[in-house]
């Protein structure tokens, strides 16, 4: 089932349950999807990678807002952000553990044939697409650097 269809079904459930908090978050997701589909002048459906990228970005934005609200003592707004993060996260794949991420990175590095930290750009290009939604860019970069720095020099 496409993300848009799943969100529409969940909006109906939230409306019937009169769950205003969940409904607000779901409508936000639907808005992001519709906006992304109508960008660039045409009407096109998003592929799964684009959907995951969209949701990952939404979670990241809400986490940044949560940090700001928490630091300013605005618990009322922080609570809203936490609820929205929780709802959006349901649609994302389960994040990889550090061990699983390192294992995936080693496979990607092996496939590319990367030998040193100078190949980081090549590795990141492939890894960012392959691991979209499963780990954020910063975590992927840290894992790639750690593995590439530990490789023996030839």
N, C-alpha and C. Protein backbone atom coordinates (compact mmCIF):
# COMPACT_ATOMS: atom_id res chain seq x y z
N UNK A 1 0.84 -1.18 0.00
CA UNK A 1 0.00 0.00 0.00
C UNK A 1 0.88 1.25 0.00
N UNK A 2 0.56 2.18 -0.87
CA UNK A 2 1.32 3.43 -0.94
C UNK A 2 1.14 4.22 0.33
N UNK A 3 2.13 5.03 0.63
CA UNK A 3 2.12 5.85 1.84
C UNK A 3 0.90 6.77 1.86
N UNK A 4 0.62 7.39 0.74
CA UNK A 4 -0.50 8.33 0.67
C UNK A 4 -1.82 7.62 1.01
N UNK A 5 -2.02 6.43 0.48
CA UNK A 5 -3.24 5.67 0.76
C UNK A 5 -3.30 5.25 2.23
N UNK A 6 -2.17 4.85 2.77
CA UNK A 6 -2.12 4.45 4.17
C UNK A 6 -2.45 5.63 5.08
N UNK A 7 -1.89 6.79 4.77
CA UNK A 7 -2.14 7.99 5.57
C UNK A 7 -3.62 8.38 5.48
N UNK A 8 -4.20 8.30 4.28
CA UNK A 8 -5.63 8.61 4.12
C UNK A 8 -6.49 7.69 4.99
N UNK A 9 -6.18 6.40 4.98
CA UNK A 9 -6.92 5.44 5.80
C UNK A 9 -6.76 5.76 7.29
N UNK A 10 -5.55 6.11 7.69
CA UNK A 10 -5.30 6.43 9.10
C UNK A 10 -5.97 7.74 9.51
N UNK A 11 -6.09 8.68 8.58
CA UNK A 11 -6.81 9.93 8.87
C UNK A 11 -8.27 9.61 9.18
N UNK A 12 -8.87 8.73 8.38
CA UNK A 12 -10.27 8.35 8.61
C UNK A 12 -10.43 7.70 9.99
N UNK A 13 -9.49 6.82 10.34
CA UNK A 13 -9.55 6.16 11.66
C UNK A 13 -9.42 7.18 12.78
N UNK A 14 -8.49 8.12 12.62
CA UNK A 14 -8.28 9.15 13.65
C UNK A 14 -9.50 10.05 13.78
N UNK A 15 -10.17 10.33 12.66
CA UNK A 15 -11.38 11.16 12.70
C UNK A 15 -12.50 10.42 13.45
N UNK A 16 -12.64 9.14 13.15
CA UNK A 16 -13.68 8.36 13.83
C UNK A 16 -13.39 8.23 15.32
N UNK A 17 -12.12 8.13 15.67
CA UNK A 17 -11.72 8.00 17.08
C UNK A 17 -11.66 9.37 17.78
N UNK A 18 -11.83 10.42 17.01
CA UNK A 18 -11.75 11.80 17.51
C UNK A 18 -10.41 12.07 18.21
N UNK A 19 -9.34 11.56 17.58
CA UNK A 19 -7.98 11.73 18.11
C UNK A 19 -7.37 12.95 17.42
N UNK A 20 -7.51 14.11 18.02
CA UNK A 20 -7.08 15.36 17.40
C UNK A 20 -5.56 15.43 17.21
N UNK A 21 -4.81 14.92 18.18
CA UNK A 21 -3.35 14.99 18.09
C UNK A 21 -2.83 14.17 16.92
N UNK A 22 -3.33 12.95 16.81
CA UNK A 22 -2.90 12.09 15.70
C UNK A 22 -3.37 12.65 14.36
N UNK A 23 -4.58 13.17 14.35
CA UNK A 23 -5.14 13.74 13.13
C UNK A 23 -4.30 14.91 12.63
N UNK A 24 -3.83 15.76 13.53
CA UNK A 24 -2.99 16.91 13.16
C UNK A 24 -1.70 16.42 12.49
N UNK A 25 -1.07 15.41 13.08
CA UNK A 25 0.18 14.89 12.53
C UNK A 25 -0.05 14.22 11.17
N UNK A 26 -1.12 13.46 11.06
CA UNK A 26 -1.42 12.78 9.79
C UNK A 26 -1.73 13.77 8.68
N UNK A 27 -2.45 14.82 9.02
CA UNK A 27 -2.74 15.84 8.00
C UNK A 27 -1.46 16.55 7.57
N UNK A 28 -0.53 16.70 8.50
CA UNK A 28 0.77 17.28 8.15
C UNK A 28 1.53 16.41 7.17
N UNK A 29 1.50 15.09 7.40
CA UNK A 29 2.16 14.15 6.49
C UNK A 29 1.50 14.21 5.11
N UNK A 30 0.17 14.20 5.09
CA UNK A 30 -0.54 14.23 3.81
C UNK A 30 -0.21 15.51 3.05
N UNK A 31 -0.12 16.62 3.78
CA UNK A 31 0.22 17.90 3.16
C UNK A 31 1.61 17.84 2.53
N UNK A 32 2.58 17.25 3.24
CA UNK A 32 3.93 17.12 2.69
C UNK A 32 3.94 16.28 1.42
N UNK A 33 3.19 15.19 1.43
CA UNK A 33 3.13 14.30 0.26
C UNK A 33 2.52 15.04 -0.93
N UNK A 34 1.39 15.71 -0.71
CA UNK A 34 0.73 16.43 -1.80
C UNK A 34 1.62 17.54 -2.35
N UNK A 35 2.30 18.23 -1.46
CA UNK A 35 3.21 19.29 -1.88
C UNK A 35 4.34 18.74 -2.75
N UNK A 36 4.92 17.62 -2.31
CA UNK A 36 6.02 17.01 -3.07
C UNK A 36 5.54 16.48 -4.42
N UNK A 37 4.32 15.95 -4.46
CA UNK A 37 3.80 15.42 -5.73
C UNK A 37 3.53 16.51 -6.75
N UNK A 38 3.15 17.68 -6.30
CA UNK A 38 2.80 18.75 -7.24
C UNK A 38 3.95 19.70 -7.54
N UNK A 39 5.09 19.49 -6.91
CA UNK A 39 6.25 20.34 -7.21
C UNK A 39 6.74 20.07 -8.63
N UNK A 40 7.54 20.97 -9.12
CA UNK A 40 8.16 20.86 -10.44
C UNK A 40 7.13 20.85 -11.56
N UNK A 41 5.99 21.50 -11.32
CA UNK A 41 5.03 21.73 -12.38
C UNK A 41 4.19 20.57 -12.82
N UNK A 42 4.44 19.38 -12.37
CA UNK A 42 3.66 18.25 -12.85
C UNK A 42 3.06 17.48 -11.70
N UNK A 43 2.16 16.60 -12.03
CA UNK A 43 1.56 15.73 -11.03
C UNK A 43 2.18 14.35 -11.19
N UNK A 44 2.94 13.95 -10.21
CA UNK A 44 3.56 12.63 -10.27
C UNK A 44 3.55 12.00 -8.90
N UNK A 45 3.52 10.68 -8.88
CA UNK A 45 3.54 9.96 -7.61
C UNK A 45 4.97 9.80 -7.14
N UNK A 46 5.13 9.81 -5.83
CA UNK A 46 6.46 9.65 -5.26
C UNK A 46 6.82 8.18 -5.20
N UNK A 47 8.09 7.87 -5.42
CA UNK A 47 8.54 6.51 -5.23
C UNK A 47 8.81 6.30 -3.74
N UNK A 48 9.06 5.07 -3.35
CA UNK A 48 9.22 4.76 -1.93
C UNK A 48 10.42 5.49 -1.31
N UNK A 49 11.51 5.61 -2.05
CA UNK A 49 12.69 6.30 -1.53
C UNK A 49 12.37 7.77 -1.26
N UNK A 50 11.63 8.40 -2.16
CA UNK A 50 11.25 9.80 -1.97
C UNK A 50 10.33 9.97 -0.77
N UNK A 51 9.42 9.00 -0.59
CA UNK A 51 8.53 9.05 0.56
C UNK A 51 9.33 8.96 1.87
N UNK A 52 10.27 8.03 1.91
CA UNK A 52 11.08 7.86 3.12
C UNK A 52 11.94 9.10 3.39
N UNK A 53 12.46 9.68 2.33
CA UNK A 53 13.27 10.89 2.47
C UNK A 53 12.41 12.03 3.03
N UNK A 54 11.20 12.14 2.54
CA UNK A 54 10.26 13.16 2.99
C UNK A 54 9.94 13.00 4.47
N UNK A 55 9.65 11.77 4.88
CA UNK A 55 9.32 11.51 6.28
C UNK A 55 10.53 11.70 7.20
N UNK A 56 11.70 11.29 6.73
CA UNK A 56 12.91 11.46 7.52
C UNK A 56 13.18 12.94 7.76
N UNK A 57 12.99 13.74 6.73
CA UNK A 57 13.20 15.19 6.85
C UNK A 57 12.19 15.78 7.83
N UNK A 58 10.94 15.31 7.77
CA UNK A 58 9.91 15.81 8.68
C UNK A 58 10.25 15.50 10.13
N UNK A 59 10.74 14.29 10.38
CA UNK A 59 11.12 13.91 11.75
C UNK A 59 12.30 14.76 12.21
N UNK A 60 13.27 14.96 11.33
CA UNK A 60 14.44 15.76 11.69
C UNK A 60 14.03 17.19 12.05
N UNK A 61 13.14 17.77 11.27
CA UNK A 61 12.67 19.13 11.55
C UNK A 61 11.97 19.20 12.90
N UNK A 62 11.17 18.20 13.19
CA UNK A 62 10.44 18.20 14.46
C UNK A 62 11.38 17.99 15.64
N UNK A 63 12.42 17.18 15.45
CA UNK A 63 13.40 17.00 16.52
C UNK A 63 14.14 18.30 16.81
N UNK A 64 14.47 19.04 15.76
CA UNK A 64 15.13 20.33 15.95
C UNK A 64 14.20 21.30 16.69
N UNK A 65 12.93 21.32 16.31
CA UNK A 65 11.96 22.17 16.99
C UNK A 65 11.80 21.74 18.45
N UNK A 66 11.78 20.43 18.67
CA UNK A 66 11.65 19.91 20.03
C UNK A 66 12.80 20.39 20.91
N UNK A 67 14.02 20.35 20.38
CA UNK A 67 15.19 20.83 21.13
C UNK A 67 15.05 22.30 21.49
N UNK A 68 14.60 23.09 20.53
CA UNK A 68 14.43 24.53 20.76
C UNK A 68 13.36 24.78 21.82
N UNK A 69 12.21 24.12 21.68
CA UNK A 69 11.13 24.32 22.63
C UNK A 69 11.53 23.87 24.04
N UNK A 70 12.25 22.76 24.12
CA UNK A 70 12.69 22.26 25.42
C UNK A 70 13.66 23.23 26.07
N UNK A 71 14.60 23.75 25.29
CA UNK A 71 15.59 24.68 25.84
C UNK A 71 14.95 26.00 26.29
N UNK A 72 13.82 26.35 25.68
CA UNK A 72 13.14 27.60 26.03
C UNK A 72 12.03 27.38 27.07
N UNK A 73 11.91 26.13 27.54
CA UNK A 73 10.92 25.85 28.57
C UNK A 73 9.49 25.83 28.08
N UNK A 74 9.28 25.60 26.80
CA UNK A 74 7.93 25.56 26.23
C UNK A 74 7.46 24.11 26.13
N UNK A 75 7.12 23.52 27.26
CA UNK A 75 6.72 22.11 27.29
C UNK A 75 5.43 21.86 26.52
N UNK A 76 4.54 22.86 26.44
CA UNK A 76 3.31 22.70 25.68
C UNK A 76 3.60 22.43 24.20
N UNK A 77 4.53 23.19 23.64
CA UNK A 77 4.90 23.00 22.23
C UNK A 77 5.78 21.77 22.05
N UNK A 78 6.62 21.49 23.03
CA UNK A 78 7.49 20.30 22.96
C UNK A 78 6.65 19.03 22.93
N UNK A 79 5.56 19.01 23.68
CA UNK A 79 4.68 17.84 23.72
C UNK A 79 4.06 17.59 22.34
N UNK A 80 3.66 18.66 21.67
CA UNK A 80 3.08 18.53 20.33
C UNK A 80 4.11 17.93 19.37
N UNK A 81 5.34 18.42 19.43
CA UNK A 81 6.40 17.90 18.54
C UNK A 81 6.67 16.43 18.81
N UNK A 82 6.69 16.04 20.10
CA UNK A 82 6.92 14.62 20.46
C UNK A 82 5.83 13.74 19.87
N UNK A 83 4.59 14.19 19.97
CA UNK A 83 3.47 13.42 19.43
C UNK A 83 3.58 13.26 17.92
N UNK A 84 3.96 14.34 17.24
CA UNK A 84 4.08 14.27 15.79
C UNK A 84 5.24 13.37 15.37
N UNK A 85 6.35 13.43 16.10
CA UNK A 85 7.48 12.54 15.81
C UNK A 85 7.04 11.09 15.94
N UNK A 86 6.29 10.80 16.98
CA UNK A 86 5.81 9.43 17.21
C UNK A 86 4.93 8.95 16.06
N UNK A 87 4.02 9.78 15.60
CA UNK A 87 3.11 9.40 14.51
C UNK A 87 3.89 9.21 13.20
N UNK A 88 4.75 10.14 12.87
CA UNK A 88 5.52 10.06 11.62
C UNK A 88 6.44 8.83 11.63
N UNK A 89 7.02 8.54 12.79
CA UNK A 89 7.97 7.42 12.90
C UNK A 89 7.31 6.07 12.60
N UNK A 90 6.01 5.99 12.77
CA UNK A 90 5.30 4.73 12.47
C UNK A 90 5.44 4.34 11.00
N UNK A 91 5.62 5.32 10.14
CA UNK A 91 5.69 5.06 8.70
C UNK A 91 7.12 4.84 8.22
N UNK A 92 8.09 5.04 9.07
CA UNK A 92 9.49 4.84 8.70
C UNK A 92 9.93 3.43 9.06
N UNK A 93 10.87 2.88 8.30
CA UNK A 93 11.39 1.56 8.69
C UNK A 93 12.13 1.66 10.03
N UNK A 94 12.22 0.53 10.69
CA UNK A 94 12.91 0.51 11.98
C UNK A 94 14.37 0.91 11.75
N UNK A 95 14.88 1.85 12.56
CA UNK A 95 16.27 2.28 12.38
C UNK A 95 17.25 1.13 12.63
N UNK A 96 18.33 1.14 11.89
CA UNK A 96 19.36 0.11 12.05
C UNK A 96 20.13 0.33 13.35
N UNK A 97 20.51 -0.77 13.98
CA UNK A 97 21.38 -0.67 15.15
C UNK A 97 22.77 -0.30 14.65
N UNK A 98 23.63 0.09 15.56
CA UNK A 98 24.99 0.48 15.16
C UNK A 98 25.73 -0.67 14.49
N UNK A 99 25.55 -1.88 15.03
CA UNK A 99 26.21 -3.06 14.45
C UNK A 99 25.69 -3.35 13.05
N UNK A 100 24.35 -3.27 12.89
CA UNK A 100 23.76 -3.52 11.58
C UNK A 100 24.19 -2.47 10.56
N UNK A 101 24.25 -1.22 11.02
CA UNK A 101 24.68 -0.13 10.14
C UNK A 101 26.12 -0.36 9.69
N UNK A 102 27.01 -0.70 10.63
CA UNK A 102 28.41 -0.96 10.27
C UNK A 102 28.51 -2.13 9.29
N UNK A 103 27.71 -3.15 9.51
CA UNK A 103 27.71 -4.31 8.60
C UNK A 103 27.28 -3.89 7.19
N UNK A 104 26.20 -3.11 7.09
CA UNK A 104 25.74 -2.63 5.79
C UNK A 104 26.78 -1.74 5.13
N UNK A 105 27.42 -0.89 5.91
CA UNK A 105 28.45 0.01 5.37
C UNK A 105 29.63 -0.79 4.83
N UNK A 106 30.02 -1.85 5.52
CA UNK A 106 31.14 -2.68 5.04
C UNK A 106 30.79 -3.33 3.70
N UNK A 107 29.54 -3.76 3.56
CA UNK A 107 29.09 -4.35 2.29
C UNK A 107 29.17 -3.30 1.17
N UNK A 108 28.67 -2.11 1.46
CA UNK A 108 28.67 -1.04 0.45
C UNK A 108 30.10 -0.66 0.09
N UNK A 109 30.97 -0.53 1.07
CA UNK A 109 32.38 -0.18 0.82
C UNK A 109 33.04 -1.26 -0.02
N UNK A 110 32.72 -2.52 0.28
CA UNK A 110 33.27 -3.63 -0.50
C UNK A 110 32.79 -3.62 -1.95
N UNK A 111 31.51 -3.31 -2.16
CA UNK A 111 30.95 -3.27 -3.51
C UNK A 111 31.58 -2.15 -4.33
N UNK A 112 31.81 -1.01 -3.69
CA UNK A 112 32.37 0.14 -4.40
C UNK A 112 33.86 -0.04 -4.63
N UNK A 113 34.49 -0.77 -3.72
CA UNK A 113 35.93 -0.95 -3.82
C UNK A 113 36.69 0.21 -3.19
N UNK A 114 36.08 0.86 -2.21
CA UNK A 114 36.72 1.99 -1.53
C UNK A 114 37.91 1.49 -0.72
N UNK A 115 39.00 2.26 -0.76
CA UNK A 115 40.24 1.84 -0.09
C UNK A 115 40.64 2.76 1.05
N UNK A 116 40.20 4.03 1.01
CA UNK A 116 40.63 4.97 2.04
C UNK A 116 39.57 6.05 2.23
N UNK A 117 39.86 6.97 3.13
CA UNK A 117 38.94 8.06 3.44
C UNK A 117 38.71 8.97 2.23
N UNK A 118 39.62 8.95 1.26
CA UNK A 118 39.44 9.75 0.05
C UNK A 118 38.23 9.28 -0.77
N UNK A 119 37.79 8.06 -0.53
CA UNK A 119 36.64 7.51 -1.25
C UNK A 119 35.31 7.76 -0.52
N UNK A 120 35.35 8.59 0.52
CA UNK A 120 34.16 8.84 1.32
C UNK A 120 32.99 9.36 0.48
N UNK A 121 33.25 10.25 -0.43
CA UNK A 121 32.19 10.82 -1.27
C UNK A 121 31.46 9.75 -2.07
N UNK A 122 32.21 8.82 -2.66
CA UNK A 122 31.60 7.73 -3.43
C UNK A 122 30.74 6.86 -2.52
N UNK A 123 31.28 6.55 -1.35
CA UNK A 123 30.58 5.68 -0.40
C UNK A 123 29.29 6.36 0.07
N UNK A 124 29.37 7.64 0.41
CA UNK A 124 28.20 8.35 0.92
C UNK A 124 27.09 8.44 -0.12
N UNK A 125 27.46 8.62 -1.38
CA UNK A 125 26.45 8.70 -2.44
C UNK A 125 25.62 7.44 -2.52
N UNK A 126 26.28 6.29 -2.48
CA UNK A 126 25.58 5.00 -2.56
C UNK A 126 24.87 4.70 -1.24
N UNK A 127 25.57 4.92 -0.13
CA UNK A 127 25.01 4.57 1.19
C UNK A 127 23.78 5.40 1.52
N UNK A 128 23.78 6.67 1.18
CA UNK A 128 22.63 7.53 1.49
C UNK A 128 21.37 7.02 0.80
N UNK A 129 21.51 6.53 -0.43
CA UNK A 129 20.35 6.00 -1.15
C UNK A 129 19.95 4.63 -0.59
N UNK A 130 20.93 3.78 -0.34
CA UNK A 130 20.65 2.42 0.11
C UNK A 130 20.06 2.39 1.52
N UNK A 131 20.46 3.31 2.35
CA UNK A 131 20.04 3.29 3.75
C UNK A 131 19.01 4.38 4.09
N UNK A 132 18.39 4.94 3.07
CA UNK A 132 17.41 6.02 3.28
C UNK A 132 16.29 5.56 4.22
N UNK A 133 16.04 6.34 5.25
CA UNK A 133 14.99 6.02 6.20
C UNK A 133 15.43 5.08 7.31
N UNK A 134 16.52 4.35 7.10
CA UNK A 134 16.99 3.40 8.10
C UNK A 134 18.03 4.03 9.03
N UNK A 135 18.67 5.09 8.56
CA UNK A 135 19.65 5.82 9.36
C UNK A 135 19.76 7.23 8.79
N UNK A 136 20.09 8.18 9.64
CA UNK A 136 20.23 9.55 9.13
C UNK A 136 21.62 9.75 8.55
N UNK A 137 21.77 10.80 7.76
CA UNK A 137 23.01 11.07 7.05
C UNK A 137 24.22 11.20 7.97
N UNK A 138 24.03 11.83 9.11
CA UNK A 138 25.13 12.03 10.05
C UNK A 138 25.64 10.68 10.57
N UNK A 139 24.74 9.80 10.94
CA UNK A 139 25.11 8.48 11.45
C UNK A 139 25.79 7.66 10.36
N UNK A 140 25.28 7.73 9.14
CA UNK A 140 25.88 7.01 8.02
C UNK A 140 27.31 7.52 7.79
N UNK A 141 27.49 8.84 7.81
CA UNK A 141 28.80 9.44 7.60
C UNK A 141 29.79 9.01 8.68
N UNK A 142 29.34 9.03 9.94
CA UNK A 142 30.21 8.62 11.04
C UNK A 142 30.65 7.17 10.88
N UNK A 143 29.73 6.30 10.52
CA UNK A 143 30.05 4.89 10.32
C UNK A 143 31.03 4.72 9.16
N UNK A 144 30.78 5.42 8.05
CA UNK A 144 31.67 5.32 6.88
C UNK A 144 33.08 5.81 7.23
N UNK A 145 33.17 6.92 7.92
CA UNK A 145 34.48 7.46 8.32
C UNK A 145 35.23 6.47 9.22
N UNK A 146 34.51 5.91 10.19
CA UNK A 146 35.13 4.97 11.13
C UNK A 146 35.70 3.76 10.38
N UNK A 147 34.91 3.22 9.48
CA UNK A 147 35.36 2.03 8.73
C UNK A 147 36.49 2.37 7.78
N UNK A 148 36.35 3.47 7.05
CA UNK A 148 37.38 3.84 6.08
C UNK A 148 38.68 4.21 6.79
N UNK A 149 38.62 4.86 7.94
CA UNK A 149 39.83 5.22 8.69
C UNK A 149 40.53 4.00 9.28
N UNK A 150 39.78 2.92 9.52
CA UNK A 150 40.36 1.72 10.11
C UNK A 150 40.95 0.78 9.06
N UNK A 151 40.77 1.12 7.77
CA UNK A 151 41.31 0.26 6.70
C UNK A 151 42.83 0.44 6.63
N UNK A 152 43.52 -0.68 6.38
CA UNK A 152 44.98 -0.59 6.29
C UNK A 152 45.42 0.18 5.04
N UNK A 153 46.46 0.96 5.20
CA UNK A 153 47.00 1.71 4.07
C UNK A 153 47.80 0.76 3.18
N UNK A 154 47.63 0.91 1.88
CA UNK A 154 48.37 0.05 0.94
C UNK A 154 49.65 0.71 0.50
